[in-house]
C-alpha cells in the first residue's frame, strides 16, 4: 500500500526537511499559489508576507495512516467553511513547530504530547499575504478532540492513500481579482480540499514519493 503507516514514517524520515526553510529561501521558493501559473504572480507576489505555520497531522492507525483536517467555521471573515490544516500566525519568538502544535491544541484540542513532529515541508507562499511553514507530525490514534467553535465547524480524517495518489490531484481554475487562477484540488466525497491546503499536500507527495 502506497501510504501504509510504516512506509510513510520511513519516507518521512528520509525525505522531509529536518529544519524549516529560512525566510530568504522561502521567499524565492517556487511553491505557492503561483506554482501553476506560467507567468508567475499577476501583479507581483504578496509584499512582506506574514509568517504562519500549519500542522500536517498524520494519524498513525495500524492499517493505514490518515490526515486530520478541519472545516473552518462558517461565520469567520476569512476563508469561512474551507477545509484547512490546524495553524495560524507565528508569534514572536516562536518556531513553526511551536506554532503548529499550539494552534492544533487551541483549534481542535489535539494534545501536543500525542504529536511527534518528524520534519518540515517547503514553505508555501499564499496569495492571502501569508508565507506558510508546514510541519509534519505523527499523531497517536485514540485522541479525543475539543473543537473551538469560534474557529472550527468540524474535524475529519482522509486516508493518506487517497491524498498521496496523483490521480486525485486535480487542477481547477476560478476567477480571482480579475484573473483566472489555477490551483490544486483533491475533492473527497462532499469535502472540497483545495487551494493552500491541497498545495501543501501536493508538496508532501512530491517530497515523499517523487524525490
Protein backbone atom coordinates (compact mmCIF):
# COMPACT_ATOMS: atom_id res chain seq x y z
CA UNK A 1 0.00 0.00 0.00
CA UNK A 2 1.39 3.38 -1.09
CA UNK A 3 0.73 5.16 2.17
CA UNK A 4 0.96 2.32 4.66
CA UNK A 5 1.80 3.58 8.13
CA UNK A 6 5.31 2.08 8.43
CA UNK A 7 6.20 3.07 4.87
CA UNK A 8 5.12 6.65 5.46
CA UNK A 9 7.20 7.03 8.60
CA UNK A 10 10.29 5.70 6.81
CA UNK A 11 9.80 8.02 3.85
CA UNK A 12 9.14 11.00 6.11
CA UNK A 13 12.39 10.46 8.00
CA UNK A 14 14.29 10.20 4.72
CA UNK A 15 12.78 12.97 2.60
CA UNK A 16 11.37 15.73 4.80
CA UNK A 17 13.38 18.79 5.73
CA UNK A 18 14.90 18.41 9.22
CA UNK A 19 14.51 22.18 9.72
CA UNK A 20 12.13 24.73 8.18
CA UNK A 21 13.48 26.75 5.26
CA UNK A 22 14.97 30.14 6.07
CA UNK A 23 12.84 33.17 5.31
CA UNK A 24 15.02 34.19 2.33
CA UNK A 25 14.88 30.67 0.90
CA UNK A 26 11.14 30.64 1.43
CA UNK A 27 10.61 33.87 -0.49
CA UNK A 28 12.47 32.51 -3.52
CA UNK A 29 10.90 29.02 -3.40
CA UNK A 30 8.52 28.38 -6.31
CA UNK A 31 6.00 26.59 -4.10
CA UNK A 32 2.79 28.57 -3.61
CA UNK A 33 -0.44 29.81 -5.15
CA UNK A 34 1.55 30.87 -8.23
CA UNK A 35 3.09 27.42 -8.87
CA UNK A 36 0.68 26.52 -11.67
CA UNK A 37 0.84 29.91 -13.38
CA UNK A 38 3.26 30.07 -16.31
CA UNK A 39 3.55 33.84 -15.97
CA UNK A 40 4.00 33.75 -12.20
CA UNK A 41 2.11 36.17 -9.96
CA UNK A 42 -0.34 38.51 -11.76
CA UNK A 43 0.67 41.93 -10.49
CA UNK A 44 3.58 40.52 -8.49
CA UNK A 45 3.82 38.36 -5.33
CA UNK A 46 2.45 39.49 -1.94
CA UNK A 47 4.61 42.19 -0.38
CA UNK A 48 6.08 41.42 3.05
CA UNK A 49 4.16 38.18 3.57
CA UNK A 50 3.32 37.34 7.18
CA UNK A 51 4.80 34.07 8.52
CA UNK A 52 2.37 31.33 9.55
CA UNK A 53 2.64 27.64 10.30
CA UNK A 54 0.33 24.66 9.95
CA UNK A 55 0.44 21.15 11.31
CA UNK A 56 0.05 18.29 8.83
CA UNK A 57 -1.35 15.77 11.36
CA UNK A 58 -0.73 12.22 10.09
CA UNK A 59 -2.74 9.84 12.28
CA UNK A 60 -0.84 6.57 12.55
CA UNK A 61 -3.63 3.98 12.51
CA UNK A 62 -2.43 0.37 12.37
CA UNK A 63 -3.99 -0.41 8.99
CA UNK A 64 -3.40 2.89 7.22
CA UNK A 65 -2.42 6.42 8.06
CA UNK A 66 -4.84 9.32 7.61
CA UNK A 67 -4.56 13.10 7.67
CA UNK A 68 -6.67 15.10 10.10
CA UNK A 69 -8.36 18.20 8.67
CA UNK A 70 -10.55 20.98 9.98
CA UNK A 71 -13.52 22.73 8.43
CA UNK A 72 -13.35 26.40 9.27
CA UNK A 73 -16.38 27.96 10.99
CA UNK A 74 -18.94 29.46 8.62
CA UNK A 75 -19.05 32.83 10.43
CA UNK A 76 -15.33 33.61 10.02
CA UNK A 77 -14.46 36.65 7.91
CA UNK A 78 -11.62 34.94 6.02
CA UNK A 79 -11.84 31.50 4.34
CA UNK A 80 -15.09 30.58 6.09
CA UNK A 81 -16.21 27.00 5.56
CA UNK A 82 -12.98 25.98 3.84
CA UNK A 83 -11.07 22.78 4.54
CA UNK A 84 -7.82 23.56 6.34
CA UNK A 85 -4.94 22.22 8.39
CA UNK A 86 -4.60 23.43 12.00
CA UNK A 87 -2.42 26.52 12.07
CA UNK A 88 -2.07 30.27 12.32
CA UNK A 89 0.29 33.21 12.57
CA UNK A 90 3.74 32.62 14.04
CA UNK A 91 4.07 34.66 17.22
CA UNK A 92 7.25 36.47 18.20
CA UNK A 93 9.94 34.06 19.48
CA UNK A 94 8.00 31.01 18.21
CA UNK A 95 9.30 28.42 15.77
CA UNK A 96 6.96 26.95 13.11
CA UNK A 97 6.84 23.78 15.21
CA UNK A 98 5.79 25.74 18.31
CA UNK A 99 3.03 27.50 16.36
CA UNK A 100 1.74 24.35 14.66
CA UNK A 101 1.41 22.45 17.93
CA UNK A 102 -0.10 25.41 19.79
CA UNK A 103 -2.67 26.12 17.10
CA UNK A 104 -3.67 22.45 16.84
CA UNK A 105 -4.32 22.40 20.58
CA UNK A 106 -6.21 25.72 20.51
CA UNK A 107 -8.34 24.91 17.45
CA UNK A 108 -9.23 21.25 17.96
CA UNK A 109 -7.87 20.28 21.37
CA UNK A 110 -5.19 17.97 19.96
CA UNK A 111 -2.85 17.18 22.84
CA UNK A 112 0.71 18.07 21.73
CA UNK A 113 2.00 15.11 23.74
CA UNK A 114 0.33 12.86 21.16
CA UNK A 115 2.14 14.52 18.24
CA UNK A 116 5.67 13.63 17.17
CA UNK A 117 7.00 16.17 14.65
CA UNK A 118 9.11 14.40 12.02
CA UNK A 119 10.08 17.18 9.62
CA UNK A 120 9.15 20.16 7.52
CA UNK A 121 7.82 20.69 4.02
CA UNK A 122 8.78 23.52 1.71
CA UNK A 123 7.19 26.85 2.55
CA UNK A 124 4.01 27.89 0.74
CA UNK A 125 3.51 31.49 -0.42
CA UNK A 126 -0.21 32.26 -0.38
CA UNK A 127 -2.00 34.99 -2.28
CA UNK A 128 -3.69 35.96 1.00
CA UNK A 129 -0.39 37.51 2.11
CA UNK A 130 0.98 34.67 4.28
CA UNK A 131 4.04 32.52 3.88
CA UNK A 132 3.14 29.19 5.42
CA UNK A 133 5.64 26.78 7.01
CA UNK A 134 4.09 23.26 7.21
CA UNK A 135 5.21 20.91 9.98
CA UNK A 136 4.52 17.18 9.54
CA UNK A 137 3.63 15.41 12.77
CA UNK A 138 2.81 11.77 13.51
CA UNK A 139 -0.28 11.58 15.71
CA UNK A 140 -1.03 8.66 18.04
CA UNK A 141 -4.61 7.43 17.41
CA UNK A 142 -7.23 7.26 20.13
CA UNK A 143 -7.26 11.00 20.84
CA UNK A 144 -10.33 12.99 21.89
CA UNK A 145 -10.79 16.35 20.18
CA UNK A 146 -12.35 19.50 21.62
CA UNK A 147 -13.30 21.83 18.78
CA UNK A 148 -13.07 25.58 19.29
CA UNK A 149 -16.49 26.55 17.93
CA UNK A 150 -15.32 30.10 17.25
CA UNK A 151 -12.83 28.82 14.67
CA UNK A 152 -13.75 25.26 13.68
CA UNK A 153 -17.02 23.78 12.45
CA UNK A 154 -15.83 20.18 12.11
CA UNK A 155 -12.78 17.88 12.07
CA UNK A 156 -12.40 14.75 9.97
CA UNK A 157 -9.82 12.32 8.58
CA UNK A 158 -8.99 11.35 4.99
CA UNK A 159 -6.95 8.25 4.07
CA UNK A 160 -3.39 9.09 3.19
CA UNK A 161 -3.55 6.65 0.27
CA UNK A 162 -6.21 8.84 -1.35
CA UNK A 163 -4.29 12.08 -0.78
CA UNK A 164 -0.97 10.66 -1.98
CA UNK A 165 -2.46 9.22 -5.19
CA UNK A 166 -1.57 11.67 -8.01
CA UNK A 167 -4.71 10.57 -9.86
CA UNK A 168 -6.64 12.52 -7.21
CA UNK A 169 -4.58 15.71 -7.66
CA UNK A 170 -6.87 17.74 -9.88
CA UNK A 171 -6.15 21.16 -11.33
CA UNK A 172 -9.11 23.54 -11.12
CA UNK A 173 -9.46 27.20 -12.04
CA UNK A 174 -11.53 30.17 -10.94
CA UNK A 175 -11.52 33.95 -11.28
CA UNK A 176 -9.63 35.88 -8.59
CA UNK A 177 -9.19 39.66 -8.73
CA UNK A 178 -9.93 39.73 -12.43
CA UNK A 179 -7.58 36.88 -13.39
CA UNK A 180 -8.21 33.19 -13.97
CA UNK A 181 -6.07 31.34 -11.46
CA UNK A 182 -5.26 27.63 -11.40
CA UNK A 183 -4.91 25.64 -8.18
CA UNK A 184 -4.75 22.07 -6.91
CA UNK A 185 -7.91 20.40 -5.63
CA UNK A 186 -8.46 16.98 -4.06
CA UNK A 187 -12.23 16.52 -3.68
CA UNK A 188 -13.10 13.74 -1.24
CA UNK A 189 -16.80 12.94 -1.10
CA UNK A 190 -18.54 16.20 -0.21
CA UNK A 191 -15.28 17.68 1.14
CA UNK A 192 -13.61 20.12 -1.24
CA UNK A 193 -9.90 20.20 -0.36
CA UNK A 194 -8.28 22.92 -2.44
CA UNK A 195 -6.00 25.94 -2.59
CA UNK A 196 -3.29 26.28 0.03
CA UNK A 197 -4.26 23.03 1.79
CA UNK A 198 -4.18 20.99 -1.44
CA UNK A 199 -0.96 22.71 -2.50
CA UNK A 200 0.73 21.69 0.76
CA UNK A 201 -0.45 18.10 0.31
CA UNK A 202 0.87 18.11 -3.24
CA UNK A 203 4.27 19.16 -1.87
CA UNK A 204 4.09 16.29 0.64
CA UNK A 205 3.51 13.88 -2.24
CA UNK A 206 6.36 15.31 -4.33
CA UNK A 207 8.84 15.17 -1.45
CA UNK A 208 7.96 11.65 -0.28
CA UNK A 209 7.06 9.86 -3.49
CA UNK A 210 8.77 11.73 -6.34
CA UNK A 211 12.09 12.73 -4.78
